[in-house]
């Protein structure tokens, strides 16, 4: 029984997956932050391109 308990703390099989999940979480938070921060600027740039392609101006 003690060997099984020791094995739970020393087992490294799931460690790599946990590290990948943490990195993915940090990247996701970064992307969301960038989208929130630059969302209006990106939207305005796309609207300028659409206006030039259609020959109209935004109201």
N, C-alpha and C. Protein backbone atom coordinates (compact mmCIF):
# COMPACT_ATOMS: atom_id res chain seq x y z
N UNK A 1 0.81 -1.19 0.00
CA UNK A 1 0.00 0.00 0.00
C UNK A 1 0.86 1.26 0.00
N UNK A 2 1.92 1.27 0.78
CA UNK A 2 2.81 2.43 0.84
C UNK A 2 3.51 2.65 -0.50
N UNK A 3 3.84 1.56 -1.18
CA UNK A 3 4.49 1.69 -2.48
C UNK A 3 3.57 2.36 -3.49
N UNK A 4 2.28 2.05 -3.43
CA UNK A 4 1.32 2.69 -4.33
C UNK A 4 1.21 4.18 -4.05
N UNK A 5 1.21 4.56 -2.77
CA UNK A 5 1.13 5.97 -2.41
C UNK A 5 2.39 6.71 -2.86
N UNK A 6 3.55 6.09 -2.68
CA UNK A 6 4.79 6.71 -3.14
C UNK A 6 4.79 6.86 -4.66
N UNK A 7 4.22 5.89 -5.34
CA UNK A 7 4.16 5.94 -6.80
C UNK A 7 3.32 7.08 -7.31
N UNK A 8 2.28 7.46 -6.57
CA UNK A 8 1.45 8.57 -6.99
C UNK A 8 2.22 9.89 -7.00
N UNK A 9 3.14 10.05 -6.07
CA UNK A 9 3.89 11.29 -5.97
C UNK A 9 5.13 11.32 -6.85
N UNK A 10 5.65 10.17 -7.22
CA UNK A 10 6.87 10.14 -8.02
C UNK A 10 6.61 9.84 -9.49
N UNK A 11 5.38 9.46 -9.83
CA UNK A 11 5.05 9.13 -11.21
C UNK A 11 5.08 10.39 -12.06
N UNK A 12 5.76 10.34 -13.21
CA UNK A 12 5.93 11.50 -14.07
C UNK A 12 5.24 11.33 -15.41
N UNK A 13 4.42 10.33 -15.54
CA UNK A 13 3.79 10.03 -16.83
C UNK A 13 2.87 11.16 -17.29
N UNK A 14 2.08 11.74 -16.41
CA UNK A 14 1.15 12.79 -16.78
C UNK A 14 1.74 14.19 -16.73
N UNK A 15 2.99 14.30 -16.33
CA UNK A 15 3.62 15.60 -16.16
C UNK A 15 3.72 16.36 -17.48
N UNK A 16 4.09 15.71 -18.55
CA UNK A 16 4.22 16.37 -19.84
C UNK A 16 2.90 16.94 -20.33
N UNK A 17 1.82 16.18 -20.17
CA UNK A 17 0.50 16.64 -20.58
C UNK A 17 0.08 17.85 -19.77
N UNK A 18 0.38 17.85 -18.49
CA UNK A 18 0.04 18.98 -17.63
C UNK A 18 0.78 20.24 -18.07
N UNK A 19 2.04 20.09 -18.43
CA UNK A 19 2.83 21.24 -18.89
C UNK A 19 2.26 21.79 -20.19
N UNK A 20 1.87 20.92 -21.11
CA UNK A 20 1.26 21.38 -22.35
C UNK A 20 -0.05 22.11 -22.08
N UNK A 21 -0.84 21.62 -21.15
CA UNK A 21 -2.11 22.26 -20.81
C UNK A 21 -1.87 23.65 -20.22
N UNK A 22 -0.86 23.78 -19.38
CA UNK A 22 -0.55 25.09 -18.80
C UNK A 22 -0.09 26.08 -19.86
N UNK A 23 0.76 25.63 -20.77
CA UNK A 23 1.21 26.51 -21.86
C UNK A 23 0.04 26.92 -22.73
N UNK A 24 -0.82 25.98 -23.05
CA UNK A 24 -2.00 26.29 -23.86
C UNK A 24 -2.90 27.30 -23.14
N UNK A 25 -3.04 27.17 -21.85
CA UNK A 25 -3.84 28.12 -21.07
C UNK A 25 -3.25 29.52 -21.10
N UNK A 26 -1.94 29.63 -20.97
CA UNK A 26 -1.28 30.93 -21.02
C UNK A 26 -1.45 31.57 -22.40
N UNK A 27 -1.32 30.77 -23.45
CA UNK A 27 -1.50 31.29 -24.81
C UNK A 27 -2.94 31.76 -25.00
N UNK A 28 -3.91 30.99 -24.51
CA UNK A 28 -5.32 31.37 -24.65
C UNK A 28 -5.60 32.69 -23.94
N UNK A 29 -5.07 32.86 -22.74
CA UNK A 29 -5.26 34.11 -22.01
C UNK A 29 -4.63 35.27 -22.77
N UNK A 30 -3.47 35.06 -23.34
CA UNK A 30 -2.81 36.10 -24.12
C UNK A 30 -3.61 36.49 -25.35
N UNK A 31 -4.14 35.52 -26.06
CA UNK A 31 -4.93 35.81 -27.27
C UNK A 31 -6.19 36.58 -26.91
N UNK A 32 -6.87 36.17 -25.86
CA UNK A 32 -8.08 36.86 -25.43
C UNK A 32 -7.76 38.30 -25.03
N UNK A 33 -6.66 38.51 -24.33
CA UNK A 33 -6.25 39.85 -23.93
C UNK A 33 -5.98 40.73 -25.14
N UNK A 34 -5.29 40.19 -26.12
CA UNK A 34 -4.99 40.95 -27.34
C UNK A 34 -6.26 41.29 -28.09
N UNK A 35 -7.17 40.34 -28.20
CA UNK A 35 -8.43 40.59 -28.91
C UNK A 35 -9.24 41.67 -28.20
N UNK A 36 -9.30 41.61 -26.88
CA UNK A 36 -10.05 42.63 -26.13
C UNK A 36 -9.38 44.00 -26.30
N UNK A 37 -8.06 44.03 -26.24
CA UNK A 37 -7.34 45.30 -26.32
C UNK A 37 -7.41 45.91 -27.71
N UNK A 38 -7.22 45.11 -28.75
CA UNK A 38 -7.14 45.62 -30.11
C UNK A 38 -8.39 45.38 -30.94
N UNK A 39 -9.46 44.91 -30.32
CA UNK A 39 -10.66 44.55 -31.06
C UNK A 39 -11.22 45.66 -31.92
N UNK A 40 -11.37 46.85 -31.34
CA UNK A 40 -11.94 47.96 -32.11
C UNK A 40 -11.01 48.40 -33.23
N UNK A 41 -9.72 48.40 -33.00
CA UNK A 41 -8.76 48.79 -34.03
C UNK A 41 -8.80 47.82 -35.20
N UNK A 42 -8.86 46.55 -34.91
CA UNK A 42 -8.92 45.53 -35.96
C UNK A 42 -10.22 45.67 -36.74
N UNK A 43 -11.33 45.89 -36.03
CA UNK A 43 -12.62 46.06 -36.69
C UNK A 43 -12.60 47.27 -37.62
N UNK A 44 -12.01 48.38 -37.16
CA UNK A 44 -11.93 49.58 -37.99
C UNK A 44 -11.10 49.35 -39.25
N UNK A 45 -10.01 48.61 -39.12
CA UNK A 45 -9.17 48.32 -40.28
C UNK A 45 -9.91 47.47 -41.31
N UNK A 46 -10.63 46.48 -40.84
CA UNK A 46 -11.42 45.66 -41.76
C UNK A 46 -12.51 46.49 -42.43
N UNK A 47 -13.12 47.40 -41.68
CA UNK A 47 -14.17 48.24 -42.25
C UNK A 47 -13.59 49.16 -43.33
N UNK A 48 -12.39 49.68 -43.13
CA UNK A 48 -11.74 50.52 -44.15
C UNK A 48 -11.52 49.73 -45.43
N UNK A 49 -11.08 48.49 -45.30
CA UNK A 49 -10.85 47.65 -46.48
C UNK A 49 -12.17 47.39 -47.20
N UNK A 50 -13.21 47.07 -46.44
CA UNK A 50 -14.53 46.82 -47.04
C UNK A 50 -15.03 48.07 -47.75
N UNK A 51 -14.87 49.22 -47.11
CA UNK A 51 -15.32 50.47 -47.73
C UNK A 51 -14.60 50.75 -49.04
N UNK A 52 -13.30 50.51 -49.08
CA UNK A 52 -12.54 50.73 -50.32
C UNK A 52 -12.97 49.75 -51.41
N UNK A 53 -13.25 48.52 -51.04
CA UNK A 53 -13.65 47.53 -52.03
C UNK A 53 -15.05 47.81 -52.57
N UNK A 54 -15.94 48.30 -51.73
CA UNK A 54 -17.31 48.54 -52.18
C UNK A 54 -17.53 49.98 -52.65
N UNK A 55 -16.59 50.88 -52.36
CA UNK A 55 -16.73 52.28 -52.78
C UNK A 55 -17.67 53.07 -51.91
N UNK A 56 -17.93 52.59 -50.70
CA UNK A 56 -18.82 53.31 -49.79
C UNK A 56 -18.04 53.81 -48.60
N UNK A 57 -18.70 54.63 -47.78
CA UNK A 57 -18.08 55.08 -46.53
C UNK A 57 -18.94 54.65 -45.36
N UNK A 58 -18.32 54.44 -44.23
CA UNK A 58 -19.05 54.01 -43.04
C UNK A 58 -19.84 55.18 -42.49
N UNK A 59 -21.01 54.91 -41.96
CA UNK A 59 -21.86 55.96 -41.39
C UNK A 59 -21.42 56.32 -40.00
